Amino acid sequence: MRAGLLLAFLSPAALACELPGGAAQQVKSAAATVLYRTPALKVGEHFAVEFAVCPAPESVRVDAWMPDHRHGMNYKPTLVALGAGRYRADGLMFHMGGRWEFVFEVRAGGKTERLAHSVRLE
């Protein structure tokens, strides 16, 4: 009974954020957590990103850019909502090697927040 009462008082943000299917990268802010997974990344090859946002947002966007070169990708991904705060973005491509950042724009509670995570391609 105590466990049931404890769960009743936990907010959705306090519950664990999960992305089924194995290990994932994590990006956190005070208001949101993003877990994401990609296949092995290669320069010049399209790929998809599977991700979860906790708590589930009003809306979300995913993109990537090269901060050192001050430009983004040459392709715009297609985003599909899978339900319960889970998404899949298809059609991303890193067209050159170097440091990239995945950028997740999360809108919740009327506010938009950008969460970024760096990756390096050789």
PDB file of N, CA and C in Angstrom:
ATOM      1  N   MET A   1       0.817  -1.183   0.000  1.00  0.00           N
ATOM      2  CA  MET A   1       0.000   0.000   0.000  1.00  0.00           C
ATOM      3  C   MET A   1       0.869   1.259   0.000  1.00  0.00           C
ATOM      4  N   ARG A   2       1.956   1.253   0.786  1.00  0.00           N
ATOM      5  CA  ARG A   2       2.827   2.413   0.818  1.00  0.00           C
ATOM      6  C   ARG A   2       3.423   2.703  -0.554  1.00  0.00           C
ATOM      7  N   ALA A   3       3.798   1.655  -1.265  1.00  0.00           N
ATOM      8  CA  ALA A   3       4.356   1.840  -2.607  1.00  0.00           C
ATOM      9  C   ALA A   3       3.326   2.495  -3.518  1.00  0.00           C
ATOM     10  N   GLY A   4       2.074   2.077  -3.416  1.00  0.00           N
ATOM     11  CA  GLY A   4       1.015   2.675  -4.224  1.00  0.00           C
ATOM     12  C   GLY A   4       0.818   4.143  -3.901  1.00  0.00           C
ATOM     13  N   LEU A   5       0.884   4.495  -2.622  1.00  0.00           N
ATOM     14  CA  LEU A   5       0.763   5.897  -2.230  1.00  0.00           C
ATOM     15  C   LEU A   5       1.944   6.707  -2.738  1.00  0.00           C
ATOM     16  N   LEU A   6       3.141   6.135  -2.654  1.00  0.00           N
ATOM     17  CA  LEU A   6       4.323   6.839  -3.140  1.00  0.00           C
ATOM     18  C   LEU A   6       4.206   7.110  -4.630  1.00  0.00           C
ATOM     19  N   LEU A   7       3.789   6.126  -5.414  1.00  0.00           N
ATOM     20  CA  LEU A   7       3.626   6.309  -6.849  1.00  0.00           C
ATOM     21  C   LEU A   7       2.565   7.348  -7.173  1.00  0.00           C
ATOM     22  N   ALA A   8       1.546   7.423  -6.376  1.00  0.00           N
ATOM     23  CA  ALA A   8       0.484   8.392  -6.616  1.00  0.00           C
ATOM     24  C   ALA A   8       0.995   9.826  -6.475  1.00  0.00           C
ATOM     25  N   PHE A   9       2.038  10.031  -5.642  1.00  0.00           N
ATOM     26  CA  PHE A   9       2.555  11.376  -5.425  1.00  0.00           C
ATOM     27  C   PHE A   9       3.697  11.752  -6.355  1.00  0.00           C
ATOM     28  N   LEU A  10       4.242  10.801  -7.067  1.00  0.00           N
ATOM     29  CA  LEU A  10       5.328  11.107  -7.990  1.00  0.00           C
ATOM     30  C   LEU A  10       4.783  11.763  -9.243  1.00  0.00           C
ATOM     31  N   SER A  11       5.418  12.827  -9.690  1.00  0.00           N
ATOM     32  CA  SER A  11       5.017  13.451 -10.949  1.00  0.00           C
ATOM     33  C   SER A  11       5.581  12.641 -12.090  1.00  0.00           C
ATOM     34  N   PRO A  12       5.023  12.780 -13.313  1.00  0.00           N
ATOM     35  CA  PRO A  12       5.582  12.066 -14.459  1.00  0.00           C
ATOM     36  C   PRO A  12       7.063  12.363 -14.664  1.00  0.00           C
ATOM     37  N   ALA A  13       7.515  13.586 -14.358  1.00  0.00           N
ATOM     38  CA  ALA A  13       8.920  13.930 -14.538  1.00  0.00           C
ATOM     39  C   ALA A  13       9.817  13.160 -13.583  1.00  0.00           C
ATOM     40  N   ALA A  14       9.266  12.717 -12.449  1.00  0.00           N
ATOM     41  CA  ALA A  14      10.069  12.002 -11.470  1.00  0.00           C
ATOM     42  C   ALA A  14      10.241  10.524 -11.836  1.00  0.00           C
ATOM     43  N   LEU A  15       9.394  10.005 -12.688  1.00  0.00           N
ATOM     44  CA  LEU A  15       9.498   8.610 -13.081  1.00  0.00           C
ATOM     45  C   LEU A  15      10.631   8.441 -14.072  1.00  0.00           C
ATOM     46  N   ALA A  16      11.161   7.214 -14.140  1.00  0.00           N
ATOM     47  CA  ALA A  16      12.289   6.939 -15.023  1.00  0.00           C
ATOM     48  C   ALA A  16      11.899   7.129 -16.490  1.00  0.00           C
ATOM     49  N   CYS A  17      12.814   7.716 -17.240  1.00  0.00           N
ATOM     50  CA  CYS A  17      12.634   7.888 -18.672  1.00  0.00           C
ATOM     51  C   CYS A  17      13.277   6.687 -19.349  1.00  0.00           C
ATOM     52  N   GLU A  18      12.566   6.041 -20.274  1.00  0.00           N
ATOM     53  CA  GLU A  18      13.077   4.837 -20.915  1.00  0.00           C
ATOM     54  C   GLU A  18      12.907   4.904 -22.424  1.00  0.00           C
ATOM     55  N   LEU A  19      13.855   4.291 -23.126  1.00  0.00           N
ATOM     56  CA  LEU A  19      13.788   4.095 -24.566  1.00  0.00           C
ATOM     57  C   LEU A  19      14.063   2.622 -24.800  1.00  0.00           C
ATOM     58  N   PRO A  20      13.005   1.814 -24.981  1.00  0.00           N
ATOM     59  CA  PRO A  20      13.198   0.378 -25.144  1.00  0.00           C
ATOM     60  C   PRO A  20      14.117   0.052 -26.322  1.00  0.00           C
ATOM     61  N   GLY A  21      14.892  -1.022 -26.162  1.00  0.00           N
ATOM     62  CA  GLY A  21      15.716  -1.487 -27.272  1.00  0.00           C
ATOM     63  C   GLY A  21      17.206  -1.408 -27.050  1.00  0.00           C
ATOM     64  N   GLY A  22      17.658  -1.104 -25.844  1.00  0.00           N
ATOM     65  CA  GLY A  22      19.092  -1.102 -25.595  1.00  0.00           C
ATOM     66  C   GLY A  22      19.621   0.238 -25.129  1.00  0.00           C
ATOM     67  N   ALA A  23      20.947   0.330 -25.110  1.00  0.00           N
ATOM     68  CA  ALA A  23      21.635   1.516 -24.604  1.00  0.00           C
ATOM     69  C   ALA A  23      21.276   2.746 -25.426  1.00  0.00           C
ATOM     70  N   ALA A  24      21.231   3.891 -24.746  1.00  0.00           N
ATOM     71  CA  ALA A  24      20.892   5.154 -25.408  1.00  0.00           C
ATOM     72  C   ALA A  24      21.705   6.289 -24.790  1.00  0.00           C
ATOM     73  N   GLN A  25      21.909   7.329 -25.573  1.00  0.00           N
ATOM     74  CA  GLN A  25      22.528   8.558 -25.069  1.00  0.00           C
ATOM     75  C   GLN A  25      21.465   9.348 -24.311  1.00  0.00           C
ATOM     76  N   GLN A  26      21.889  10.161 -23.360  1.00  0.00           N
ATOM     77  CA  GLN A  26      20.949  10.942 -22.557  1.00  0.00           C
ATOM     78  C   GLN A  26      21.355  12.405 -22.532  1.00  0.00           C
ATOM     79  N   VAL A  27      20.346  13.282 -22.688  1.00  0.00           N
ATOM     80  CA  VAL A  27      20.522  14.727 -22.564  1.00  0.00           C
ATOM     81  C   VAL A  27      19.451  15.197 -21.589  1.00  0.00           C
ATOM     82  N   LYS A  28      19.853  15.982 -20.568  1.00  0.00           N
ATOM     83  CA  LYS A  28      18.904  16.409 -19.542  1.00  0.00           C
ATOM     84  C   LYS A  28      18.931  17.916 -19.360  1.00  0.00           C
ATOM     85  N   SER A  29      17.786  18.425 -18.956  1.00  0.00           N
ATOM     86  CA  SER A  29      17.676  19.800 -18.476  1.00  0.00           C
ATOM     87  C   SER A  29      16.866  19.728 -17.193  1.00  0.00           C
ATOM     88  N   ALA A  30      16.568  20.878 -16.624  1.00  0.00           N
ATOM     89  CA  ALA A  30      15.754  20.887 -15.409  1.00  0.00           C
ATOM     90  C   ALA A  30      14.333  20.414 -15.682  1.00  0.00           C
ATOM     91  N   ALA A  31      13.845  20.619 -16.919  1.00  0.00           N
ATOM     92  CA  ALA A  31      12.451  20.313 -17.233  1.00  0.00           C
ATOM     93  C   ALA A  31      12.246  19.041 -18.046  1.00  0.00           C
ATOM     94  N   ALA A  32      13.271  18.537 -18.737  1.00  0.00           N
ATOM     95  CA  ALA A  32      13.059  17.413 -19.651  1.00  0.00           C
ATOM     96  C   ALA A  32      14.291  16.516 -19.722  1.00  0.00           C
ATOM     97  N   THR A  33      14.050  15.288 -20.120  1.00  0.00           N
ATOM     98  CA  THR A  33      15.107  14.320 -20.406  1.00  0.00           C
ATOM     99  C   THR A  33      14.858  13.781 -21.791  1.00  0.00           C
ATOM    100  N   VAL A  34      15.910  13.706 -22.607  1.00  0.00           N
ATOM    101  CA  VAL A  34      15.829  13.093 -23.931  1.00  0.00           C
ATOM    102  C   VAL A  34      16.789  11.917 -23.958  1.00  0.00           C
ATOM    103  N   LEU A  35      16.277  10.757 -24.314  1.00  0.00           N
ATOM    104  CA  LEU A  35      17.100   9.580 -24.570  1.00  0.00           C
ATOM    105  C   LEU A  35      17.061   9.334 -26.061  1.00  0.00           C
ATOM    106  N   TYR A  36      18.232   9.096 -26.689  1.00  0.00           N
ATOM    107  CA  TYR A  36      18.221   8.857 -28.123  1.00  0.00           C
ATOM    108  C   TYR A  36      19.221   7.775 -28.514  1.00  0.00           C
ATOM    109  N   ARG A  37      18.945   7.169 -29.649  1.00  0.00           N
ATOM    110  CA  ARG A  37      19.774   6.098 -30.170  1.00  0.00           C
ATOM    111  C   ARG A  37      19.890   6.255 -31.672  1.00  0.00           C
ATOM    112  N   THR A  38      21.104   6.041 -32.191  1.00  0.00           N
ATOM    113  CA  THR A  38      21.347   6.058 -33.635  1.00  0.00           C
ATOM    114  C   THR A  38      22.079   4.777 -34.007  1.00  0.00           C
ATOM    115  N   PRO A  39      22.054   4.420 -35.281  1.00  0.00           N
ATOM    116  CA  PRO A  39      22.941   3.343 -35.725  1.00  0.00           C
ATOM    117  C   PRO A  39      24.373   3.894 -35.759  1.00  0.00           C
ATOM    118  N   ALA A  40      25.345   3.077 -36.138  1.00  0.00           N
ATOM    119  CA  ALA A  40      26.711   3.567 -36.321  1.00  0.00           C
ATOM    120  C   ALA A  40      26.664   4.693 -37.356  1.00  0.00           C
ATOM    121  N   LEU A  41      27.215   5.833 -37.010  1.00  0.00           N
ATOM    122  CA  LEU A  41      27.149   7.007 -37.891  1.00  0.00           C
ATOM    123  C   LEU A  41      28.329   7.021 -38.852  1.00  0.00           C
ATOM    124  N   LYS A  42      28.027   7.298 -40.131  1.00  0.00           N
ATOM    125  CA  LYS A  42      29.046   7.386 -41.169  1.00  0.00           C
ATOM    126  C   LYS A  42      28.789   8.635 -41.995  1.00  0.00           C
ATOM    127  N   VAL A  43      29.867   9.304 -42.367  1.00  0.00           N
ATOM    128  CA  VAL A  43      29.753  10.494 -43.197  1.00  0.00           C
ATOM    129  C   VAL A  43      29.103  10.134 -44.530  1.00  0.00           C
ATOM    130  N   GLY A  44      28.106  10.941 -44.939  1.00  0.00           N
ATOM    131  CA  GLY A  44      27.475  10.769 -46.241  1.00  0.00           C
ATOM    132  C   GLY A  44      26.418   9.684 -46.327  1.00  0.00           C
ATOM    133  N   GLU A  45      25.992   9.116 -45.194  1.00  0.00           N
ATOM    134  CA  GLU A  45      24.946   8.085 -45.206  1.00  0.00           C
ATOM    135  C   GLU A  45      23.752   8.546 -44.384  1.00  0.00           C
ATOM    136  N   HIS A  46      22.541   8.396 -44.951  1.00  0.00           N
ATOM    137  CA  HIS A  46      21.326   8.732 -44.217  1.00  0.00           C
ATOM    138  C   HIS A  46      21.171   7.793 -43.021  1.00  0.00           C
ATOM    139  N   PHE A  47      20.566   8.311 -41.970  1.00  0.00           N
ATOM    140  CA  PHE A  47      20.321   7.504 -40.779  1.00  0.00           C
ATOM    141  C   PHE A  47      19.060   7.999 -40.082  1.00  0.00           C
ATOM    142  N   ALA A  48      18.619   7.228 -39.106  1.00  0.00           N
ATOM    143  CA  ALA A  48      17.443   7.569 -38.304  1.00  0.00           C
ATOM    144  C   ALA A  48      17.855   7.708 -36.842  1.00  0.00           C
ATOM    145  N   VAL A  49      17.096   8.500 -36.112  1.00  0.00           N
ATOM    146  CA  VAL A  49      17.275   8.663 -34.674  1.00  0.00           C
ATOM    147  C   VAL A  49      15.982   8.237 -34.003  1.00  0.00           C
ATOM    148  N   GLU A  50      16.089   7.311 -33.068  1.00  0.00           N
ATOM    149  CA  GLU A  50      14.950   6.951 -32.219  1.00  0.00           C
ATOM    150  C   GLU A  50      15.158   7.682 -30.908  1.00  0.00           C
ATOM    151  N   PHE A  51      14.097   8.317 -30.384  1.00  0.00           N
ATOM    152  CA  PHE A  51      14.275   9.027 -29.123  1.00  0.00           C
ATOM    153  C   PHE A  51      12.984   9.091 -28.324  1.00  0.00           C
ATOM    154  N   ALA A  52      13.176   9.338 -27.036  1.00  0.00           N
ATOM    155  CA  ALA A  52      12.070   9.510 -26.099  1.00  0.00           C
ATOM    156  C   ALA A  52      12.285  10.813 -25.357  1.00  0.00           C
ATOM    157  N   VAL A  53      11.192  11.522 -25.092  1.00  0.00           N
ATOM    158  CA  VAL A  53      11.238  12.765 -24.325  1.00  0.00           C
ATOM    159  C   VAL A  53      10.355  12.571 -23.102  1.00  0.00           C
ATOM    160  N   CYS A  54      10.918  12.855 -21.929  1.00  0.00           N
ATOM    161  CA  CYS A  54      10.173  12.690 -20.679  1.00  0.00           C
ATOM    162  C   CYS A  54      10.234  13.989 -19.885  1.00  0.00           C
ATOM    163  N   PRO A  55       9.125  14.461 -19.359  1.00  0.00           N
ATOM    164  CA  PRO A  55       7.779  13.988 -19.660  1.00  0.00           C
ATOM    165  C   PRO A  55       7.411  14.288 -21.113  1.00  0.00           C
ATOM    166  N   ALA A  56       6.387  13.594 -21.603  1.00  0.00           N
ATOM    167  CA  ALA A  56       5.971  13.754 -23.003  1.00  0.00           C
ATOM    168  C   ALA A  56       5.673  15.228 -23.290  1.00  0.00           C
ATOM    169  N   PRO A  57       6.261  15.787 -24.349  1.00  0.00           N
ATOM    170  CA  PRO A  57       6.115  17.213 -24.643  1.00  0.00           C
ATOM    171  C   PRO A  57       4.868  17.528 -25.454  1.00  0.00           C
ATOM    172  N   GLU A  58       4.581  18.829 -25.578  1.00  0.00           N
ATOM    173  CA  GLU A  58       3.521  19.292 -26.483  1.00  0.00           C
ATOM    174  C   GLU A  58       3.960  19.088 -27.925  1.00  0.00           C
ATOM    175  N   SER A  59       5.242  19.388 -28.190  1.00  0.00           N
ATOM    176  CA  SER A  59       5.813  19.179 -29.521  1.00  0.00           C
ATOM    177  C   SER A  59       7.323  19.034 -29.380  1.00  0.00           C
ATOM    178  N   VAL A  60       7.934  18.496 -30.437  1.00  0.00           N
ATOM    179  CA  VAL A  60       9.377  18.291 -30.424  1.00  0.00           C
ATOM    180  C   VAL A  60       9.908  18.369 -31.849  1.00  0.00           C
ATOM    181  N   ARG A  61      11.141  18.837 -31.982  1.00  0.00           N
ATOM    182  CA  ARG A  61      11.855  18.847 -33.263  1.00  0.00           C
ATOM    183  C   ARG A  61      13.235  18.297 -33.009  1.00  0.00           C
ATOM    184  N   VAL A  62      13.826  17.685 -34.035  1.00  0.00           N
ATOM    185  CA  VAL A  62      15.212  17.230 -33.939  1.00  0.00           C
ATOM    186  C   VAL A  62      15.959  17.722 -35.169  1.00  0.00           C
ATOM    187  N   ASP A  63      17.190  18.133 -34.954  1.00  0.00           N
ATOM    188  CA  ASP A  63      18.038  18.627 -36.027  1.00  0.00           C
ATOM    189  C   ASP A  63      19.474  18.390 -35.593  1.00  0.00           C
ATOM    190  N   ALA A  64      20.417  18.733 -36.446  1.00  0.00           N
ATOM    191  CA  ALA A  64      21.835  18.653 -36.094  1.00  0.00           C
ATOM    192  C   ALA A  64      22.568  19.777 -36.793  1.00  0.00           C
ATOM    193  N   TRP A  65      23.633  20.240 -36.170  1.00  0.00           N
ATOM    194  CA  TRP A  65      24.427  21.286 -36.783  1.00  0.00           C
ATOM    195  C   TRP A  65      25.874  21.169 -36.323  1.00  0.00           C
ATOM    196  N   MET A  66      26.777  21.829 -37.059  1.00  0.00           N
ATOM    197  CA  MET A  66      28.207  21.853 -36.750  1.00  0.00           C
ATOM    198  C   MET A  66      28.532  23.218 -36.155  1.00  0.00           C
ATOM    199  N   PRO A  67      28.694  23.298 -34.836  1.00  0.00           N
ATOM    200  CA  PRO A  67      28.963  24.599 -34.224  1.00  0.00           C
ATOM    201  C   PRO A  67      30.268  25.234 -34.709  1.00  0.00           C
ATOM    202  N   ASP A  68      31.296  24.440 -34.972  1.00  0.00           N
ATOM    203  CA  ASP A  68      32.576  24.992 -35.411  1.00  0.00           C
ATOM    204  C   ASP A  68      32.485  25.608 -36.808  1.00  0.00           C
ATOM    205  N   HIS A  69      31.584  25.076 -37.649  1.00  0.00           N
ATOM    206  CA  HIS A  69      31.430  25.585 -39.017  1.00  0.00           C
ATOM    207  C   HIS A  69      30.209  26.494 -39.154  1.00  0.00           C
ATOM    208  N   ARG A  70      29.367  26.508 -38.136  1.00  0.00           N
ATOM    209  CA  ARG A  70      28.164  27.344 -38.099  1.00  0.00           C
ATOM    210  C   ARG A  70      27.185  27.027 -39.223  1.00  0.00           C
ATOM    211  N   HIS A  71      26.988  25.724 -39.455  1.00  0.00           N
ATOM    212  CA  HIS A  71      25.966  25.305 -40.423  1.00  0.00           C
ATOM    213  C   HIS A  71      25.328  23.998 -39.955  1.00  0.00           C
ATOM    214  N   GLY A  72      24.170  23.732 -40.528  1.00  0.00           N
ATOM    215  CA  GLY A  72      23.448  22.513 -40.193  1.00  0.00           C
ATOM    216  C   GLY A  72      23.592  21.463 -41.273  1.00  0.00           C
ATOM    217  N   MET A  73      22.667  20.518 -41.240  1.00  0.00           N
ATOM    218  CA  MET A  73      22.639  19.452 -42.237  1.00  0.00           C
ATOM    219  C   MET A  73      22.059  19.988 -43.542  1.00  0.00           C
ATOM    220  N   ASN A  74      22.305  19.255 -44.597  1.00  0.00           N
ATOM    221  CA  ASN A  74      21.720  19.591 -45.902  1.00  0.00           C
ATOM    222  C   ASN A  74      20.352  18.949 -46.086  1.00  0.00           C
ATOM    223  N   TYR A  75      19.911  18.153 -45.117  1.00  0.00           N
ATOM    224  CA  TYR A  75      18.646  17.429 -45.214  1.00  0.00           C
ATOM    225  C   TYR A  75      17.793  17.714 -43.994  1.00  0.00           C
ATOM    226  N   LYS A  76      16.489  17.790 -44.209  1.00  0.00           N
ATOM    227  CA  LYS A  76      15.545  17.982 -43.108  1.00  0.00           C
ATOM    228  C   LYS A  76      14.917  16.627 -42.782  1.00  0.00           C
ATOM    229  N   PRO A  77      14.994  16.200 -41.526  1.00  0.00           N
ATOM    230  CA  PRO A  77      14.430  14.893 -41.175  1.00  0.00           C
ATOM    231  C   PRO A  77      12.906  14.904 -41.147  1.00  0.00           C
ATOM    232  N   THR A  78      12.350  13.733 -41.326  1.00  0.00           N
ATOM    233  CA  THR A  78      10.914  13.501 -41.183  1.00  0.00           C
ATOM    234  C   THR A  78      10.684  12.915 -39.803  1.00  0.00           C
ATOM    235  N   LEU A  79       9.783  13.508 -39.032  1.00  0.00           N
ATOM    236  CA  LEU A  79       9.537  13.089 -37.658  1.00  0.00           C
ATOM    237  C   LEU A  79       8.212  12.349 -37.560  1.00  0.00           C
ATOM    238  N   VAL A  80       8.245  11.196 -36.884  1.00  0.00           N
ATOM    239  CA  VAL A  80       7.043  10.399 -36.661  1.00  0.00           C
ATOM    240  C   VAL A  80       6.880  10.200 -35.162  1.00  0.00           C
ATOM    241  N   ALA A  81       5.714  10.583 -34.635  1.00  0.00           N
ATOM    242  CA  ALA A  81       5.399  10.344 -33.226  1.00  0.00           C
ATOM    243  C   ALA A  81       4.935   8.905 -33.068  1.00  0.00           C
ATOM    244  N   LEU A  82       5.541   8.187 -32.122  1.00  0.00           N
ATOM    245  CA  LEU A  82       5.198   6.783 -31.881  1.00  0.00           C
ATOM    246  C   LEU A  82       4.302   6.622 -30.659  1.00  0.00           C
ATOM    247  N   GLY A  83       4.009   7.723 -29.966  1.00  0.00           N
ATOM    248  CA  GLY A  83       3.151   7.691 -28.786  1.00  0.00           C
ATOM    249  C   GLY A  83       3.956   7.613 -27.502  1.00  0.00           C
ATOM    250  N   ALA A  84       3.364   8.076 -26.409  1.00  0.00           N
ATOM    251  CA  ALA A  84       3.952   8.035 -25.070  1.00  0.00           C
ATOM    252  C   ALA A  84       5.313   8.727 -25.012  1.00  0.00           C
ATOM    253  N   GLY A  85       5.477   9.822 -25.765  1.00  0.00           N
ATOM    254  CA  GLY A  85       6.718  10.574 -25.733  1.00  0.00           C
ATOM    255  C   GLY A  85       7.855   9.971 -26.536  1.00  0.00           C
ATOM    256  N   ARG A  86       7.557   8.983 -27.390  1.00  0.00           N
ATOM    257  CA  ARG A  86       8.579   8.342 -28.227  1.00  0.00           C
ATOM    258  C   ARG A  86       8.435   8.789 -29.678  1.00  0.00           C
ATOM    259  N   TYR A  87       9.588   8.919 -30.379  1.00  0.00           N
ATOM    260  CA  TYR A  87       9.615   9.434 -31.743  1.00  0.00           C
ATOM    261  C   TYR A  87      10.682   8.718 -32.565  1.00  0.00           C
ATOM    262  N   ARG A  88      10.556   8.883 -33.879  1.00  0.00           N
ATOM    263  CA  ARG A  88      11.584   8.428 -34.819  1.00  0.00           C
ATOM    264  C   ARG A  88      11.750   9.522 -35.867  1.00  0.00           C
ATOM    265  N   ALA A  89      12.994   9.948 -36.065  1.00  0.00           N
ATOM    266  CA  ALA A  89      13.318  10.934 -37.094  1.00  0.00           C
ATOM    267  C   ALA A  89      14.134  10.228 -38.167  1.00  0.00           C
ATOM    268  N   ASP A  90      13.656  10.260 -39.409  1.00  0.00           N
ATOM    269  CA  ASP A  90      14.327   9.621 -40.542  1.00  0.00           C
ATOM    270  C   ASP A  90      14.888  10.668 -41.481  1.00  0.00           C
ATOM    271  N   GLY A  91      15.931  10.288 -42.221  1.00  0.00           N
ATOM    272  CA  GLY A  91      16.450  11.147 -43.274  1.00  0.00           C
ATOM    273  C   GLY A  91      17.528  12.114 -42.847  1.00  0.00           C
ATOM    274  N   LEU A  92      18.156  11.903 -41.688  1.00  0.00           N
ATOM    275  CA  LEU A  92      19.263  12.747 -41.286  1.00  0.00           C
ATOM    276  C   LEU A  92      20.525  12.280 -42.009  1.00  0.00           C
ATOM    277  N   MET A  93      21.460  13.201 -42.267  1.00  0.00           N
ATOM    278  CA  MET A  93      22.745  12.831 -42.845  1.00  0.00           C
ATOM    279  C   MET A  93      23.802  13.865 -42.462  1.00  0.00           C
ATOM    280  N   PHE A  94      24.921  13.373 -41.976  1.00  0.00           N
ATOM    281  CA  PHE A  94      26.079  14.223 -41.725  1.00  0.00           C
ATOM    282  C   PHE A  94      26.910  14.205 -42.992  1.00  0.00           C
ATOM    283  N   HIS A  95      26.995  15.319 -43.684  1.00  0.00           N
ATOM    284  CA  HIS A  95      27.650  15.361 -44.987  1.00  0.00           C
ATOM    285  C   HIS A  95      29.154  15.604 -44.905  1.00  0.00           C
ATOM    286  N   MET A  96      29.675  15.795 -43.691  1.00  0.00           N
ATOM    287  CA  MET A  96      31.123  15.948 -43.534  1.00  0.00           C
ATOM    288  C   MET A  96      31.527  15.502 -42.137  1.00  0.00           C
ATOM    289  N   GLY A  97      32.799  15.145 -41.988  1.00  0.00           N
ATOM    290  CA  GLY A  97      33.316  14.736 -40.692  1.00  0.00           C
ATOM    291  C   GLY A  97      33.536  15.932 -39.787  1.00  0.00           C
ATOM    292  N   GLY A  98      33.692  15.662 -38.492  1.00  0.00           N
ATOM    293  CA  GLY A  98      33.935  16.705 -37.508  1.00  0.00           C
ATOM    294  C   GLY A  98      32.956  16.605 -36.351  1.00  0.00           C
ATOM    295  N   ARG A  99      32.885  17.665 -35.555  1.00  0.00           N
ATOM    296  CA  ARG A  99      31.985  17.683 -34.395  1.00  0.00           C
ATOM    297  C   ARG A  99      30.620  18.202 -34.801  1.00  0.00           C
ATOM    298  N   TRP A 100      29.610  17.406 -34.531  1.00  0.00           N
ATOM    299  CA  TRP A 100      28.213  17.755 -34.757  1.00  0.00           C
ATOM    300  C   TRP A 100      27.493  17.796 -33.414  1.00  0.00           C
ATOM    301  N   GLU A 101      26.365  18.465 -33.378  1.00  0.00           N
ATOM    302  CA  GLU A 101      25.488  18.434 -32.212  1.00  0.00           C
ATOM    303  C   GLU A 101      24.084  18.038 -32.655  1.00  0.00           C
ATOM    304  N   PHE A 102      23.539  17.021 -31.981  1.00  0.00           N
ATOM    305  CA  PHE A 102      22.108  16.745 -32.129  1.00  0.00           C
ATOM    306  C   PHE A 102      21.406  17.801 -31.292  1.00  0.00           C
ATOM    307  N   VAL A 103      20.368  18.425 -31.837  1.00  0.00           N
ATOM    308  CA  VAL A 103      19.614  19.443 -31.115  1.00  0.00           C
ATOM    309  C   VAL A 103      18.159  19.000 -31.066  1.00  0.00           C
ATOM    310  N   PHE A 104      17.642  18.869 -29.855  1.00  0.00           N
ATOM    311  CA  PHE A 104      16.248  18.504 -29.638  1.00  0.00           C
ATOM    312  C   PHE A 104      15.541  19.738 -29.091  1.00  0.00           C
ATOM    313  N   GLU A 105      14.550  20.252 -29.827  1.00  0.00           N
ATOM    314  CA  GLU A 105      13.738  21.378 -29.356  1.00  0.00           C
ATOM    315  C   GLU A 105      12.465  20.806 -28.759  1.00  0.00           C
ATOM    316  N   VAL A 106      12.317  20.990 -27.458  1.00  0.00           N
ATOM    317  CA  VAL A 106      11.210  20.409 -26.703  1.00  0.00           C
ATOM    318  C   VAL A 106      10.301  21.536 -26.242  1.00  0.00           C
ATOM    319  N   ARG A 107       9.021  21.451 -26.596  1.00  0.00           N
ATOM    320  CA  ARG A 107       8.036  22.449 -26.150  1.00  0.00           C
ATOM    321  C   ARG A 107       7.109  21.788 -25.137  1.00  0.00           C
ATOM    322  N   ALA A 108       7.086  22.367 -23.932  1.00  0.00           N
ATOM    323  CA  ALA A 108       6.226  21.860 -22.856  1.00  0.00           C
ATOM    324  C   ALA A 108       5.879  23.023 -21.943  1.00  0.00           C
ATOM    325  N   GLY A 109       4.661  23.032 -21.471  1.00  0.00           N
ATOM    326  CA  GLY A 109       4.227  24.094 -20.568  1.00  0.00           C
ATOM    327  C   GLY A 109       4.316  25.476 -21.186  1.00  0.00           C
ATOM    328  N   GLY A 110       4.171  25.549 -22.520  1.00  0.00           N
ATOM    329  CA  GLY A 110       4.217  26.826 -23.209  1.00  0.00           C
ATOM    330  C   GLY A 110       5.620  27.374 -23.426  1.00  0.00           C
ATOM    331  N   LYS A 111       6.655  26.600 -23.052  1.00  0.00           N
ATOM    332  CA  LYS A 111       8.042  27.048 -23.218  1.00  0.00           C
ATOM    333  C   LYS A 111       8.795  26.080 -24.122  1.00  0.00           C
ATOM    334  N   THR A 112       9.710  26.625 -24.938  1.00  0.00           N
ATOM    335  CA  THR A 112      10.547  25.793 -25.799  1.00  0.00           C
ATOM    336  C   THR A 112      11.960  25.785 -25.255  1.00  0.00           C
ATOM    337  N   GLU A 113      12.530  24.603 -25.191  1.00  0.00           N
ATOM    338  CA  GLU A 113      13.874  24.425 -24.662  1.00  0.00           C
ATOM    339  C   GLU A 113      14.703  23.637 -25.671  1.00  0.00           C
ATOM    340  N   ARG A 114      15.976  24.004 -25.825  1.00  0.00           N
ATOM    341  CA  ARG A 114      16.884  23.300 -26.740  1.00  0.00           C
ATOM    342  C   ARG A 114      17.860  22.471 -25.918  1.00  0.00           C
ATOM    343  N   LEU A 115      17.867  21.167 -26.172  1.00  0.00           N
ATOM    344  CA  LEU A 115      18.808  20.272 -25.531  1.00  0.00           C
ATOM    345  C   LEU A 115      19.753  19.754 -26.596  1.00  0.00           C
ATOM    346  N   ALA A 116      21.060  19.853 -26.373  1.00  0.00           N
ATOM    347  CA  ALA A 116      22.033  19.470 -27.400  1.00  0.00           C
ATOM    348  C   ALA A 116      23.011  18.443 -26.846  1.00  0.00           C
ATOM    349  N   HIS A 117      23.495  17.587 -27.744  1.00  0.00           N
ATOM    350  CA  HIS A 117      24.476  16.563 -27.389  1.00  0.00           C
ATOM    351  C   HIS A 117      25.469  16.417 -28.529  1.00  0.00           C
ATOM    352  N   SER A 118      26.761  16.498 -28.224  1.00  0.00           N
ATOM    353  CA  SER A 118      27.814  16.446 -29.251  1.00  0.00           C
ATOM    354  C   SER A 118      28.175  15.020 -29.651  1.00  0.00           C
ATOM    355  N   VAL A 119      28.484  14.868 -30.930  1.00  0.00           N
ATOM    356  CA  VAL A 119      29.031  13.626 -31.473  1.00  0.00           C
ATOM    357  C   VAL A 119      30.162  14.020 -32.436  1.00  0.00           C
ATOM    358  N   ARG A 120      31.133  13.133 -32.596  1.00  0.00           N
ATOM    359  CA  ARG A 120      32.249  13.404 -33.497  1.00  0.00           C
ATOM    360  C   ARG A 120      32.308  12.314 -34.552  1.00  0.00           C
ATOM    361  N   LEU A 121      32.398  12.737 -35.803  1.00  0.00           N
ATOM    362  CA  LEU A 121      32.554  11.818 -36.928  1.00  0.00           C
ATOM    363  C   LEU A 121      33.917  12.049 -37.553  1.00  0.00           C
ATOM    364  N   GLU A 122      34.606  10.968 -37.834  1.00  0.00           N
ATOM    365  CA  GLU A 122      35.925  11.055 -38.503  1.00  0.00           C
ATOM    366  C   GLU A 122      35.793  10.614 -39.930  1.00  0.00           C
TER     367      GLU A 122
END
